[in-house]
């Protein structure tokens, strides 16, 4: 939904993705419309490929090898992904993916403390994203009084604050999407969004009611 909102608002020119949809609520309407009319350039990928590219940036290396892509159609549309023969094997081609270093990563989490440490729990992919990014900004449900890294129950699931540029308190900041172990998806709103965003006029109405009217002062 985040991608669909940004695309519909005209904020996206190029999108690296393994897929954009609203799941059981159907296709992402603004993504589908923009792709069909060519308003957005889509660089097709897979989930493991994107994760490997973040891992390369995280480790400070120019590329990461990945299996499972050779023989797929996606390689024909990604000239920046190179097939290379494994120097340690015989006739063992593998795909090399360039590092992907975002300027900014933004995500929502349950807790942060006053020194900027952020509890992400089991969502370990957020660690790779924060490590890879130039800047990481996090919204959280609440501020934890105490040091998360010194709490024996929370430390293992905590992203250290030196990877985080800024934290903002925003209760229910994942809405209408879920936050694991805190609240579920707002199915009524997602269904309404899918209906409204099916047209550009409906999407504009949705932005006005649920985004612009609620912007911070």
Protein backbone atom coordinates (compact mmCIF):
# COMPACT_ATOMS: atom_id res chain seq x y z
CA UNK A 1 0.00 0.00 0.00
CA UNK A 2 2.89 2.40 0.75
CA UNK A 3 4.16 2.05 -2.82
CA UNK A 4 0.69 2.45 -4.28
CA UNK A 5 0.09 5.69 -2.34
CA UNK A 6 3.41 7.19 -3.43
CA UNK A 7 2.89 6.17 -7.06
CA UNK A 8 -0.64 7.59 -7.12
CA UNK A 9 0.60 10.86 -5.63
CA UNK A 10 3.17 11.18 -8.43
CA UNK A 11 6.19 10.69 -6.18
CA UNK A 12 7.75 7.70 -8.00
CA UNK A 13 9.64 7.57 -11.30
CA UNK A 14 11.45 4.23 -10.99
CA UNK A 15 10.52 1.22 -8.86
CA UNK A 16 12.66 -1.81 -8.02
CA UNK A 17 10.21 -4.43 -6.82
CA UNK A 18 9.31 -8.09 -6.69
CA UNK A 19 5.62 -7.17 -6.75
CA UNK A 20 3.08 -4.59 -5.58
CA UNK A 21 -0.42 -5.70 -4.62
CA UNK A 22 -3.05 -5.34 -1.92
CA UNK A 23 -3.09 -9.09 -1.29
CA UNK A 24 -6.58 -10.43 -0.78
CA UNK A 25 -7.96 -6.95 -1.54
CA UNK A 26 -6.78 -7.22 -5.15
CA UNK A 27 -4.21 -5.50 -7.37
CA UNK A 28 -2.63 -2.24 -6.27
CA UNK A 29 -4.71 0.07 -8.50
CA UNK A 30 -2.40 3.07 -8.84
CA UNK A 31 0.62 0.83 -9.46
CA UNK A 32 -1.29 -1.11 -12.11
CA UNK A 33 -2.49 2.06 -13.83
CA UNK A 34 0.95 3.71 -13.79
CA UNK A 35 2.63 0.57 -15.12
CA UNK A 36 0.16 0.14 -17.97
CA UNK A 37 0.45 3.75 -19.12
CA UNK A 38 4.23 3.88 -18.63
CA UNK A 39 4.18 6.58 -15.95
CA UNK A 40 6.51 4.49 -13.78
CA UNK A 41 9.59 2.57 -14.89
CA UNK A 42 9.47 -0.83 -13.16
CA UNK A 43 12.72 -2.74 -12.67
CA UNK A 44 11.55 -6.29 -12.06
CA UNK A 45 13.22 -8.23 -9.26
CA UNK A 46 12.63 -11.02 -6.75
CA UNK A 47 12.46 -10.84 -2.95
CA UNK A 48 15.74 -12.77 -2.47
CA UNK A 49 17.45 -10.58 -5.08
CA UNK A 50 16.48 -7.32 -3.38
CA UNK A 51 17.52 -8.71 0.00
CA UNK A 52 20.89 -9.77 -1.43
CA UNK A 53 21.41 -6.28 -2.86
CA UNK A 54 20.75 -4.75 0.55
CA UNK A 55 23.17 -7.27 2.06
CA UNK A 56 25.88 -6.16 -0.36
CA UNK A 57 25.45 -2.52 0.69
CA UNK A 58 25.30 -3.62 4.33
CA UNK A 59 28.67 -5.37 3.99
CA UNK A 60 30.25 -2.56 1.96
CA UNK A 61 30.91 -4.78 -1.08
CA UNK A 62 29.98 -3.90 -4.69
CA UNK A 63 27.87 -6.97 -5.40
CA UNK A 64 26.37 -10.15 -3.96
CA UNK A 65 26.05 -13.55 -5.73
CA UNK A 66 22.68 -15.29 -5.79
CA UNK A 67 21.42 -18.59 -7.12
CA UNK A 68 17.97 -19.36 -8.47
CA UNK A 69 17.75 -16.65 -11.14
CA UNK A 70 19.36 -18.40 -14.11
CA UNK A 71 16.70 -19.70 -16.47
CA UNK A 72 14.10 -17.12 -15.40
CA UNK A 73 12.70 -14.39 -17.62
CA UNK A 74 13.68 -11.66 -15.16
CA UNK A 75 17.34 -11.72 -16.27
CA UNK A 76 16.39 -10.64 -19.79
CA UNK A 77 15.09 -7.36 -18.36
CA UNK A 78 17.94 -6.66 -15.91
CA UNK A 79 21.14 -5.86 -17.84
CA UNK A 80 22.65 -4.63 -14.55
CA UNK A 81 22.54 -8.22 -13.21
CA UNK A 82 25.54 -10.18 -14.51
CA UNK A 83 26.04 -13.91 -14.96
CA UNK A 84 29.54 -14.90 -13.87
CA UNK A 85 31.30 -18.25 -13.73
CA UNK A 86 32.13 -19.33 -10.20
CA UNK A 87 35.95 -19.03 -9.95
CA UNK A 88 35.97 -21.85 -7.37
CA UNK A 89 33.93 -24.34 -9.42
CA UNK A 90 33.73 -25.88 -12.87
CA UNK A 91 30.99 -24.71 -15.20
CA UNK A 92 29.07 -23.18 -12.30
CA UNK A 93 27.44 -19.90 -13.44
CA UNK A 94 25.96 -17.62 -10.82
CA UNK A 95 24.27 -14.19 -10.92
CA UNK A 96 26.01 -11.14 -9.46
CA UNK A 97 23.70 -8.39 -8.15
CA UNK A 98 24.92 -4.80 -7.59
CA UNK A 99 24.70 -3.33 -4.10
CA UNK A 100 21.53 -1.34 -3.41
CA UNK A 101 22.13 1.53 -0.99
CA UNK A 102 18.99 3.58 -0.29
CA UNK A 103 19.32 7.27 0.52
CA UNK A 104 16.57 6.88 3.13
CA UNK A 105 14.87 3.91 4.78
CA UNK A 106 11.61 4.54 6.65
CA UNK A 107 9.77 1.96 8.77
CA UNK A 108 7.44 1.66 11.75
CA UNK A 109 8.30 -0.32 14.89
CA UNK A 110 6.94 -1.01 18.33
CA UNK A 111 9.45 0.69 20.62
CA UNK A 112 12.37 3.08 20.73
CA UNK A 113 14.26 4.39 23.72
CA UNK A 114 15.46 7.94 24.27
CA UNK A 115 18.91 7.23 22.85
CA UNK A 116 17.47 6.08 19.50
CA UNK A 117 17.71 2.31 19.91
CA UNK A 118 14.74 0.66 18.15
CA UNK A 119 13.11 -2.67 19.00
CA UNK A 120 12.30 -4.55 15.78
CA UNK A 121 11.71 -7.99 17.30
CA UNK A 122 11.79 -10.80 14.74
CA UNK A 123 11.67 -8.48 11.69
CA UNK A 124 15.37 -8.96 10.94
CA UNK A 125 15.08 -7.66 7.39
CA UNK A 126 14.75 -4.19 8.94
CA UNK A 127 18.29 -4.55 10.29
CA UNK A 128 19.68 -5.24 6.81
CA UNK A 129 17.78 -2.25 5.41
CA UNK A 130 19.05 0.09 8.13
CA UNK A 131 22.62 -1.16 7.73
CA UNK A 132 22.42 -0.60 3.96
CA UNK A 133 20.85 2.86 4.02
CA UNK A 134 22.50 6.24 4.14
CA UNK A 135 19.79 7.45 6.55
CA UNK A 136 17.17 5.56 8.57
CA UNK A 137 14.04 7.21 9.99
CA UNK A 138 11.69 5.27 12.29
CA UNK A 139 8.21 5.90 13.66
CA UNK A 140 7.23 3.97 16.79
CA UNK A 141 4.21 3.07 18.88
CA UNK A 142 5.76 4.29 22.12
CA UNK A 143 8.96 5.43 23.81
CA UNK A 144 10.58 2.94 26.17
CA UNK A 145 11.92 4.38 29.40
CA UNK A 146 15.26 2.66 29.81
CA UNK A 147 18.03 1.33 27.58
CA UNK A 148 16.73 -1.33 25.19
CA UNK A 149 20.23 -2.69 24.65
CA UNK A 150 20.60 -3.33 28.39
CA UNK A 151 17.30 -5.19 28.69
CA UNK A 152 18.02 -8.94 28.53
CA UNK A 153 14.58 -9.65 27.04
CA UNK A 154 14.68 -6.94 24.35
CA UNK A 155 18.35 -6.45 23.45
CA UNK A 156 18.56 -9.29 20.91
CA UNK A 157 15.73 -7.75 18.86
CA UNK A 158 17.02 -4.18 19.03
CA UNK A 159 18.58 -2.08 16.27
CA UNK A 160 21.30 0.12 17.83
CA UNK A 161 20.65 3.84 17.69
CA UNK A 162 23.81 4.69 15.76
CA UNK A 163 22.07 3.27 12.64
CA UNK A 164 19.04 5.54 13.19
CA UNK A 165 18.96 9.21 12.18
CA UNK A 166 15.61 10.10 13.75
CA UNK A 167 12.72 8.58 15.71
CA UNK A 168 9.16 9.96 15.79
CA UNK A 169 6.39 8.87 18.15
CA UNK A 170 3.35 7.91 16.07
CA UNK A 171 0.90 5.50 17.75
CA UNK A 172 -0.79 3.19 15.24
CA UNK A 173 1.66 4.42 12.65
CA UNK A 174 1.27 1.24 10.59
CA UNK A 175 -2.46 1.83 10.08
CA UNK A 176 -4.25 0.54 8.08
CA UNK A 177 -1.61 -2.19 7.79
CA UNK A 178 -0.81 -4.41 10.78
CA UNK A 179 1.99 -4.28 13.32
CA UNK A 180 2.81 -7.84 14.42
CA UNK A 181 1.86 -8.61 18.02
CA UNK A 182 0.18 -5.21 18.40
CA UNK A 183 -2.78 -4.84 16.02
CA UNK A 184 -4.13 -6.37 12.87
CA UNK A 185 -5.02 -5.09 9.44
CA UNK A 186 -7.95 -2.70 9.00
CA UNK A 187 -9.82 -4.75 6.42
CA UNK A 188 -12.66 -2.25 6.09
CA UNK A 189 -10.30 0.60 5.20
CA UNK A 190 -8.23 -1.55 2.81
CA UNK A 191 -11.40 -2.54 0.96
CA UNK A 192 -12.42 1.12 0.78
CA UNK A 193 -8.98 2.10 -0.50
CA UNK A 194 -9.07 -0.58 -3.20
CA UNK A 195 -12.46 0.72 -4.33
CA UNK A 196 -11.58 4.41 -4.28
CA UNK A 197 -8.11 4.09 -5.80
CA UNK A 198 -9.49 2.25 -8.82
CA UNK A 199 -9.95 5.70 -10.42
CA UNK A 200 -7.76 8.78 -10.29
CA UNK A 201 -10.69 10.80 -8.94
CA UNK A 202 -11.36 8.30 -6.18
CA UNK A 203 -7.68 8.18 -5.29
CA UNK A 204 -7.56 12.00 -5.03
CA UNK A 205 -10.55 11.85 -2.67
CA UNK A 206 -8.79 9.18 -0.59
CA UNK A 207 -5.62 11.30 -0.34
CA UNK A 208 -7.62 14.34 0.73
CA UNK A 209 -9.55 12.49 3.43
CA UNK A 210 -6.91 10.17 4.85
CA UNK A 211 -3.57 11.85 4.11
CA UNK A 212 -3.76 15.60 3.57
CA UNK A 213 -6.37 16.32 6.24
CA UNK A 214 -4.28 14.38 8.79
CA UNK A 215 -0.88 15.87 8.03
CA UNK A 216 1.15 17.07 10.99
CA UNK A 217 0.90 20.73 11.92
